Protein backbone atom coordinates (compact mmCIF):
# COMPACT_ATOMS: atom_id res chain seq x y z
CA MET A 1 79.96 -44.10 63.69
CA ALA A 2 78.72 -40.48 63.50
CA ALA A 3 75.01 -39.83 63.81
CA VAL A 4 73.20 -39.25 60.55
CA ASN A 5 72.62 -35.53 60.07
CA VAL A 6 69.17 -34.77 58.65
CA GLN A 7 68.63 -31.51 60.50
CA HIS A 8 68.46 -29.50 57.26
CA VAL A 9 65.46 -31.44 55.93
CA PHE A 10 63.90 -31.46 59.42
CA ASP A 11 64.13 -27.64 59.51
CA TRP A 12 62.75 -27.38 55.97
CA LEU A 13 59.70 -29.40 56.96
CA VAL A 14 59.22 -27.40 60.17
CA ASP A 15 59.20 -24.25 58.02
CA GLY A 16 56.33 -25.73 55.98
CA ALA A 17 58.33 -27.20 53.07
CA PRO A 18 58.76 -23.87 51.22
CA GLY A 19 59.03 -24.26 47.46
CA ALA A 20 57.21 -27.60 47.37
CA PRO A 21 53.89 -27.16 45.54
CA GLY A 22 52.51 -30.53 46.61
CA PRO A 23 53.08 -33.84 48.43
CA LYS A 24 54.79 -35.39 45.41
CA GLN A 25 57.61 -32.86 45.66
CA VAL A 26 57.78 -33.24 49.45
CA VAL A 27 58.24 -37.01 49.21
CA ASP A 28 60.90 -36.54 46.54
CA ARG A 29 62.90 -33.98 48.51
CA VAL A 30 62.71 -35.84 51.82
CA SER A 31 63.75 -39.14 50.24
CA THR A 32 66.59 -37.56 48.27
CA ALA A 33 67.80 -35.75 51.40
CA LEU A 34 67.81 -38.99 53.43
CA LEU A 35 69.75 -40.73 50.69
CA SER A 36 72.27 -37.87 50.51
CA ALA A 37 72.69 -38.03 54.29
CA GLY A 38 74.01 -41.57 53.97
CA ILE A 39 70.86 -43.62 54.52
CA PRO A 40 70.88 -46.39 51.86
CA LEU A 41 67.31 -45.71 50.83
CA GLY A 42 65.92 -47.59 47.85
CA HIS A 43 62.18 -47.08 48.37
CA THR A 44 59.84 -44.57 50.00
CA GLU A 45 56.08 -44.76 49.76
CA ALA A 46 53.62 -42.48 51.52
CA PHE A 47 49.97 -43.49 51.90
CA VAL A 48 47.49 -40.73 52.69
CA ARG A 49 43.76 -41.34 52.91
CA THR A 50 41.34 -38.65 51.80
CA LEU A 51 37.68 -37.69 51.91
CA HIS A 52 36.30 -38.35 48.44
CA PRO A 53 33.26 -40.30 47.19
CA HIS A 54 35.31 -42.59 44.95
CA ILE A 55 38.99 -42.21 45.89
CA ALA A 56 39.98 -43.58 49.28
CA GLY A 57 43.47 -42.16 49.21
CA ARG A 58 46.68 -41.69 47.28
CA SER A 59 50.12 -43.23 47.43
CA PHE A 60 53.41 -41.56 46.48
CA LEU A 61 56.17 -44.00 45.49
CA TRP A 62 59.80 -42.81 45.30
CA ARG A 63 62.69 -44.80 43.91
CA PRO A 64 66.22 -43.35 43.34
CA GLY A 65 66.55 -41.66 39.98
CA GLN A 66 62.83 -41.95 39.16
CA ASP A 67 59.93 -39.53 39.24
CA VAL A 68 57.58 -40.00 42.16
CA ASP A 69 54.73 -42.27 41.03
CA VAL A 70 51.35 -41.02 42.27
CA ARG A 71 48.53 -43.54 42.44
CA GLU A 72 44.91 -43.18 43.48
CA GLN A 73 43.61 -45.97 45.69
CA THR A 74 39.97 -47.04 45.63
CA TYR A 75 37.80 -48.03 48.57
CA ALA A 76 37.60 -51.51 47.06
CA TYR A 77 41.40 -51.86 47.24
CA LEU A 78 41.65 -50.54 50.82
CA ASN A 79 38.97 -53.05 51.87
CA SER A 80 40.50 -55.96 49.97
CA PRO A 81 42.11 -58.91 51.78
CA GLN A 82 45.35 -58.07 49.96
CA PHE A 83 45.58 -54.61 51.50
CA LEU A 84 44.08 -55.53 54.89
CA GLY A 85 46.90 -58.03 55.28
CA SER A 86 49.60 -55.51 54.39
CA PRO A 87 52.15 -53.73 56.60
CA VAL A 88 50.56 -50.37 55.80
CA SER A 89 47.16 -51.57 56.99
CA ARG A 90 48.80 -52.68 60.23
CA VAL A 91 50.29 -49.19 60.71
CA PHE A 92 46.91 -47.63 59.95
CA SER A 93 45.20 -49.78 62.57
CA ASN A 94 47.62 -49.56 65.50
CA GLY A 95 49.43 -46.28 64.80
CA GLU A 96 52.80 -47.83 65.61
CA THR A 97 56.08 -48.13 63.73
CA LEU A 98 56.53 -51.51 62.07
CA ARG A 99 59.92 -52.93 61.08
CA ARG A 100 60.66 -56.18 59.32
CA THR A 101 63.71 -57.85 57.86
CA VAL A 102 62.53 -58.75 54.36
CA ASN A 103 62.90 -62.52 54.57
CA ALA A 104 60.69 -65.58 54.13
CA GLU A 105 59.16 -65.20 57.58
CA ALA A 106 58.16 -61.56 56.98
CA CYS A 107 56.75 -62.43 53.56
CA ALA A 108 54.63 -65.15 55.12
CA GLU A 109 53.26 -62.57 57.57
CA PHE A 110 52.84 -59.88 54.89
CA PRO A 111 52.62 -61.37 51.38
CA LEU A 112 52.98 -57.92 49.80
CA LEU A 113 56.63 -57.93 50.92
CA GLU A 114 57.39 -60.86 48.62
CA GLU A 115 57.71 -58.64 45.59
CA MET A 116 60.15 -56.41 47.48
CA ARG A 117 62.20 -59.44 48.51
CA GLN A 118 62.41 -60.50 44.86
CA GLU A 119 63.66 -57.02 43.99
CA GLY A 120 66.46 -57.38 46.52
CA PHE A 121 65.17 -55.32 49.43
CA THR A 122 66.46 -56.41 52.83
CA ASP A 123 64.93 -54.12 55.45
CA TYR A 124 61.52 -52.41 55.68
CA VAL A 125 60.16 -49.78 58.05
CA GLY A 126 56.59 -48.46 58.18
CA CYS A 127 56.01 -45.26 60.18
CA PRO A 128 52.69 -43.71 61.16
CA LEU A 129 51.91 -40.19 60.00
CA LYS A 130 49.71 -39.00 62.83
CA PHE A 131 47.50 -36.04 62.03
CA MET A 132 46.11 -33.63 64.61
CA THR A 133 42.62 -34.93 63.80
CA GLY A 134 43.64 -38.31 65.19
CA ALA A 135 43.74 -39.94 61.75
CA VAL A 136 46.71 -42.22 61.08
CA HIS A 137 48.34 -42.39 57.65
CA ALA A 138 51.65 -44.05 56.81
CA ILE A 139 55.01 -43.79 55.10
CA THR A 140 57.33 -46.72 54.42
CA PHE A 141 61.07 -46.92 53.80
CA ALA A 142 63.12 -49.82 52.48
CA THR A 143 66.74 -50.57 51.62
CA LYS A 144 68.66 -53.10 49.53
CA ASP A 145 71.76 -52.78 51.70
CA ALA A 146 72.75 -56.24 52.95
CA ARG A 147 73.17 -54.84 56.46
CA GLY A 148 69.73 -53.21 56.49
CA PHE A 149 69.17 -49.94 58.33
CA ASN A 150 71.29 -49.28 61.41
CA ALA A 151 70.05 -47.67 64.62
CA ASP A 152 71.29 -44.18 63.69
CA GLN A 153 69.54 -44.35 60.33
CA ILE A 154 66.25 -45.44 61.90
CA SER A 155 66.57 -42.60 64.42
CA ALA A 156 67.13 -40.11 61.59
CA ILE A 157 64.09 -41.40 59.70
CA ASN A 158 61.90 -41.08 62.80
CA HIS A 159 63.27 -37.57 63.39
CA VAL A 160 62.14 -36.45 59.92
CA VAL A 161 58.77 -38.21 60.07
CA ARG A 162 57.60 -35.97 62.93
CA PRO A 163 57.46 -32.68 60.99
CA LEU A 164 56.55 -34.59 57.82
CA SER A 165 53.24 -35.47 59.49
CA ARG A 166 52.37 -31.78 59.88
CA VAL A 167 53.26 -30.96 56.28
CA GLY A 168 51.36 -34.01 55.06
CA GLU A 169 48.31 -32.97 57.06
CA THR A 170 48.37 -29.48 55.54
CA PHE A 171 48.42 -30.83 52.00
CA ALA A 172 45.82 -33.47 52.85
CA LEU A 173 43.41 -30.88 54.27
CA LEU A 174 43.86 -28.69 51.19
CA ARG A 175 43.19 -31.64 48.91
CA THR A 176 40.16 -32.71 50.92
CA ALA A 177 38.71 -29.21 50.70
CA THR A 178 39.33 -29.15 46.95
CA ASN A 179 37.86 -32.64 46.48
CA LEU A 180 34.70 -31.77 48.36
CA LEU A 181 34.24 -28.47 46.53
CA ASN A 182 34.76 -30.16 43.17
CA THR A 183 32.34 -32.92 44.12
CA TYR A 184 29.56 -30.69 45.41
CA VAL A 185 29.83 -27.54 43.26
CA GLY A 186 31.88 -28.63 40.22
CA HIS A 187 35.52 -28.35 39.24
CA ASN A 188 35.58 -24.80 37.86
CA ALA A 189 33.33 -23.48 40.61
CA GLY A 190 35.54 -25.19 43.19
CA GLU A 191 38.64 -23.54 41.76
CA ARG A 192 36.93 -20.15 41.84
CA ILE A 193 35.93 -20.60 45.47
CA MET A 194 39.43 -21.74 46.47
CA SER A 195 40.91 -18.73 44.68
CA GLY A 196 38.85 -16.35 46.81
CA LYS A 197 35.55 -15.89 44.97
CA ILE A 198 33.59 -16.21 48.21
CA GLN A 199 31.87 -12.86 48.61
CA ARG A 200 28.14 -12.67 48.07
CA GLY A 201 27.65 -11.06 44.67
CA ASP A 202 31.02 -12.23 43.29
CA THR A 203 29.80 -13.09 39.80
CA ASP A 204 31.05 -13.07 36.23
CA ILE A 205 29.01 -12.94 33.05
CA ILE A 206 30.04 -15.88 30.89
CA ARG A 207 28.76 -17.38 27.67
CA ALA A 208 28.05 -21.09 27.75
CA ALA A 209 26.17 -23.95 26.21
CA ILE A 210 23.52 -24.87 28.77
CA TRP A 211 22.40 -28.42 29.59
CA PHE A 212 19.07 -28.90 31.37
CA SER A 213 17.77 -32.44 31.75
CA ASP A 214 14.99 -34.03 33.75
CA LEU A 215 13.59 -37.43 34.67
CA ARG A 216 10.26 -38.02 32.95
CA GLY A 217 7.41 -39.36 35.02
CA PHE A 218 8.98 -38.33 38.33
CA THR A 219 5.64 -37.48 39.92
CA SER A 220 4.16 -40.90 39.17
CA LEU A 221 7.34 -42.63 40.30
CA SER A 222 7.21 -40.74 43.58
CA SER A 223 3.74 -42.13 44.26
CA THR A 224 4.62 -45.74 43.48
CA LEU A 225 8.21 -46.15 44.75
CA GLU A 226 9.82 -45.87 48.17
CA PRO A 227 12.12 -42.84 48.63
CA GLY A 228 15.18 -45.08 48.61
CA GLN A 229 14.10 -46.63 45.32
CA ILE A 230 13.54 -43.21 43.76
CA ILE A 231 17.04 -42.16 44.78
CA GLY A 232 18.35 -45.35 43.17
CA VAL A 233 16.61 -44.45 39.89
CA LEU A 234 18.01 -40.91 39.98
CA ASN A 235 21.51 -42.18 40.70
CA GLU A 236 21.31 -44.52 37.70
CA LEU A 237 20.17 -41.68 35.46
CA PHE A 238 22.75 -39.20 36.71
CA GLN A 239 25.53 -41.78 36.41
CA CYS A 240 24.75 -41.93 32.69
CA GLN A 241 24.94 -38.16 32.36
CA VAL A 242 27.64 -36.86 34.71
CA PRO A 243 30.65 -38.75 33.25
CA ALA A 244 29.53 -37.88 29.71
CA ILE A 245 29.29 -34.17 30.56
CA GLU A 246 32.62 -34.03 32.40
CA GLU A 247 34.51 -36.04 29.77
CA ALA A 248 33.30 -33.53 27.16
CA GLY A 249 34.64 -30.59 29.17
CA GLY A 250 31.35 -29.56 30.72
CA GLU A 251 30.57 -28.91 34.35
CA VAL A 252 27.65 -30.21 36.38
CA LEU A 253 26.47 -27.34 38.55
CA LYS A 254 23.37 -28.70 40.24
CA PHE A 255 21.01 -31.58 40.80
CA ILE A 256 17.61 -29.94 41.12
CA GLY A 257 15.34 -32.68 42.45
CA ASP A 258 15.13 -35.02 39.47
CA GLY A 259 16.89 -32.58 37.14
CA LEU A 260 20.48 -31.87 36.19
CA PHE A 261 21.83 -28.43 35.30
CA GLY A 262 25.21 -28.14 33.61
CA ILE A 263 27.21 -25.79 31.43
CA PHE A 264 29.91 -25.92 28.78
CA PRO A 265 31.75 -22.59 29.22
CA MET A 266 32.88 -20.93 26.00
CA ALA A 267 35.62 -18.63 27.31
CA ASN A 268 38.41 -18.64 24.71
CA ARG A 269 36.80 -21.64 23.05
CA ASP A 270 35.13 -22.03 19.69
CA PRO A 271 31.32 -21.98 20.17
CA GLY A 272 30.90 -24.68 17.53
CA GLU A 273 33.31 -26.96 19.35
CA ARG A 274 31.53 -26.41 22.67
CA CYS A 275 28.08 -27.09 21.24
CA THR A 276 29.35 -30.15 19.38
CA ALA A 277 30.90 -31.38 22.63
CA ALA A 278 27.63 -30.87 24.49
CA LEU A 279 25.67 -32.77 21.84
CA GLY A 280 28.29 -35.53 21.90
CA ALA A 281 27.83 -35.79 25.65
CA ALA A 282 24.08 -36.10 25.09
CA ARG A 283 24.58 -38.95 22.64
CA LYS A 284 26.88 -40.73 25.07
CA ALA A 285 24.50 -40.21 28.01
CA PHE A 286 21.49 -41.62 26.15
CA ALA A 287 23.54 -44.56 24.86
CA ALA A 288 24.50 -45.34 28.46
CA LEU A 289 20.84 -45.01 29.49
CA GLU A 290 19.85 -47.55 26.84
CA LEU A 291 22.21 -50.07 28.45
CA VAL A 292 20.76 -49.32 31.87
CA ASN A 293 17.22 -49.82 30.57
CA ALA A 294 18.18 -53.08 28.87
CA ARG A 295 19.43 -54.38 32.22
CA ARG A 296 16.34 -53.08 34.02
CA ALA A 297 14.13 -54.91 31.50
CA THR A 298 15.77 -58.23 32.42
CA GLN A 299 14.89 -57.45 36.05
CA GLY A 300 11.29 -56.65 35.25
CA LEU A 301 11.76 -52.94 36.03
CA GLU A 302 10.27 -49.99 34.19
CA PRO A 303 12.64 -48.07 31.90
CA ILE A 304 14.11 -44.73 32.95
CA ASN A 305 13.15 -41.92 30.59
CA SER A 306 14.79 -38.53 30.42
CA GLY A 307 14.41 -35.30 28.48
CA LEU A 308 17.21 -32.86 27.66
CA ALA A 309 17.32 -29.29 26.34
CA LEU A 310 20.46 -27.57 25.02
CA HIS A 311 20.75 -23.83 24.62
CA VAL A 312 23.44 -21.13 24.34
CA GLY A 313 23.45 -17.84 26.20
CA ASP A 314 25.04 -15.47 28.67
CA VAL A 315 24.71 -16.39 32.34
CA ALA A 316 25.71 -14.82 35.65
CA TYR A 317 28.18 -17.28 37.18
CA GLY A 318 28.95 -16.84 40.86
CA ASN A 319 27.74 -16.50 44.43
CA ILE A 320 24.18 -15.85 45.51
CA GLY A 321 22.48 -16.32 48.87
CA GLY A 322 22.28 -14.85 52.34
CA GLN A 323 24.81 -14.18 55.05
CA GLY A 324 26.33 -17.45 56.19
CA ARG A 325 24.81 -19.54 53.38
CA LEU A 326 25.89 -19.09 49.78
CA ASP A 327 25.44 -21.07 46.62
CA PHE A 328 27.67 -21.04 43.53
CA THR A 329 25.46 -21.24 40.48
CA CYS A 330 24.41 -19.78 37.15
CA ILE A 331 21.32 -17.67 36.68
CA GLY A 332 19.82 -15.61 33.88
CA PRO A 333 17.19 -15.65 31.14
CA ALA A 334 19.17 -18.22 29.17
CA VAL A 335 18.94 -20.69 32.05
CA ASN A 336 15.21 -20.11 32.33
CA LEU A 337 14.76 -20.66 28.59
CA ALA A 338 16.70 -23.95 28.72
CA ALA A 339 14.52 -25.17 31.59
CA ARG A 340 11.36 -24.27 29.69
CA LEU A 341 12.64 -25.98 26.55
CA GLU A 342 13.20 -29.19 28.48
CA GLY A 343 9.55 -29.16 29.44
CA LEU A 344 8.65 -29.61 25.76
CA THR A 345 10.55 -32.87 25.29
CA GLY A 346 7.76 -35.08 26.59
CA LYS A 347 5.05 -33.21 24.68
CA LEU A 348 7.06 -33.43 21.44
CA GLY A 349 8.09 -37.06 21.97
CA ARG A 350 11.80 -36.19 21.73
CA ASN A 351 14.63 -37.08 24.03
CA VAL A 352 16.62 -33.97 23.08
CA VAL A 353 15.58 -30.55 21.83
CA VAL A 354 17.78 -27.55 21.12
CA SER A 355 17.25 -23.84 20.60
CA SER A 356 18.01 -22.11 17.31
CA GLU A 357 20.92 -20.33 19.05
CA PHE A 358 22.44 -23.71 19.86
CA ALA A 359 21.59 -25.27 16.50
CA LYS A 360 23.36 -22.58 14.49
CA HIS A 361 26.70 -23.71 15.94
CA LEU A 362 26.22 -27.32 14.82
CA THR A 363 27.43 -28.85 11.57
CA THR A 364 25.12 -31.86 11.92
CA PRO A 365 21.49 -31.80 10.67
CA VAL A 366 18.67 -30.61 12.90
CA GLU A 367 14.94 -31.01 12.39
CA PRO A 368 12.65 -27.99 12.96
CA LEU A 369 9.80 -28.83 15.33
CA GLY A 370 8.03 -25.48 15.24
CA GLU A 371 7.79 -22.31 17.28
CA PHE A 372 6.40 -22.35 20.80
CA GLU A 373 5.43 -19.95 23.52
CA LEU A 374 7.29 -20.67 26.73
CA LYS A 375 6.26 -19.41 30.16
CA GLY A 376 8.34 -16.44 31.21
CA VAL A 377 10.03 -16.16 27.79
CA PRO A 378 8.96 -13.32 25.49
CA GLY A 379 7.83 -14.17 21.95
CA LYS A 380 7.77 -17.54 20.26
CA ILE A 381 10.88 -19.73 20.41
CA ALA A 382 12.01 -21.96 17.55
CA VAL A 383 12.62 -25.50 18.76
CA LEU A 384 14.69 -28.08 16.85
CA ALA A 385 15.70 -31.70 17.30
CA PRO A 386 19.24 -32.87 16.58
CA THR A 387 20.20 -36.27 15.24
CA LEU A 388 21.38 -38.53 18.05
């Protein structure tokens, strides 16, 4: 029997998988090429772990004639008894190729293979994807051929897996960098940085609805709670706000001590829609905070109180800082005004206040609260309260 020829896909991987925009396309092309080379492949699944606060990794499942199914795996799943007893977990831990005939004995050893046996799979191979960092990821192959994989087919699979590890590592590093940028500076800011906006002074003037919120009573909390407890309170508050902002199309730019600074960019968007979205996020955030406070009440804990100001204005969006240490942020008079407005919420006994510039884009009623002088802001500023 002639050796299986997979040199063309080997060379393509060595060249960096040109034309493949991501790992999904790489898994598809490699699997299709192995099948075309005469390997009776019925299943390929790559498992790549990543550095992300909530997502432990992703899997890419290929079946003949189907689109590659991409799934995000949580830390809870990767630490579950189900996964820890799986063939992939074994490959992760020892970094060695694992092969099993899919029969009753293998299913007893690895219960996750039972579903594959019921689907008619007969042979299963798990290969380590070893990155230069020393991390071990995995890719699995399975067939429904009654004879299983032969020696030449296994050799061909192993031949391809070697350069596949390098390509996989490249995409994994890119995704990790993107994940961390999105997590720490925000999605849009992360995209700008990845696209080359990294020079000090690289800024754009954009118009946006501005969100500035703060934890009320932070000073007194700091004197009565341990630092770890204060962080717990802030995390509960921010967990109410961050998802609401992001789901409404906004971006969280900064956590400033006990405050949160976010924007809803208006580029090519209707200002009324953006302001309505920001106010909707506020409603959702305070509704979530009510649930948190109801739970805290059952535990005998003090409620968490927050104030929020919404404004509209032009801001400078980009890099500031010194050589070797930059920050991607928004600055400008509009940001200062929003911060000063937020300081009125406690004095006025309102959870949310808005500027007249923000209010004019709303179709829902607002209540005038008066005009106020704000530090660093010229003239008196009209302050209004929306209906939550």
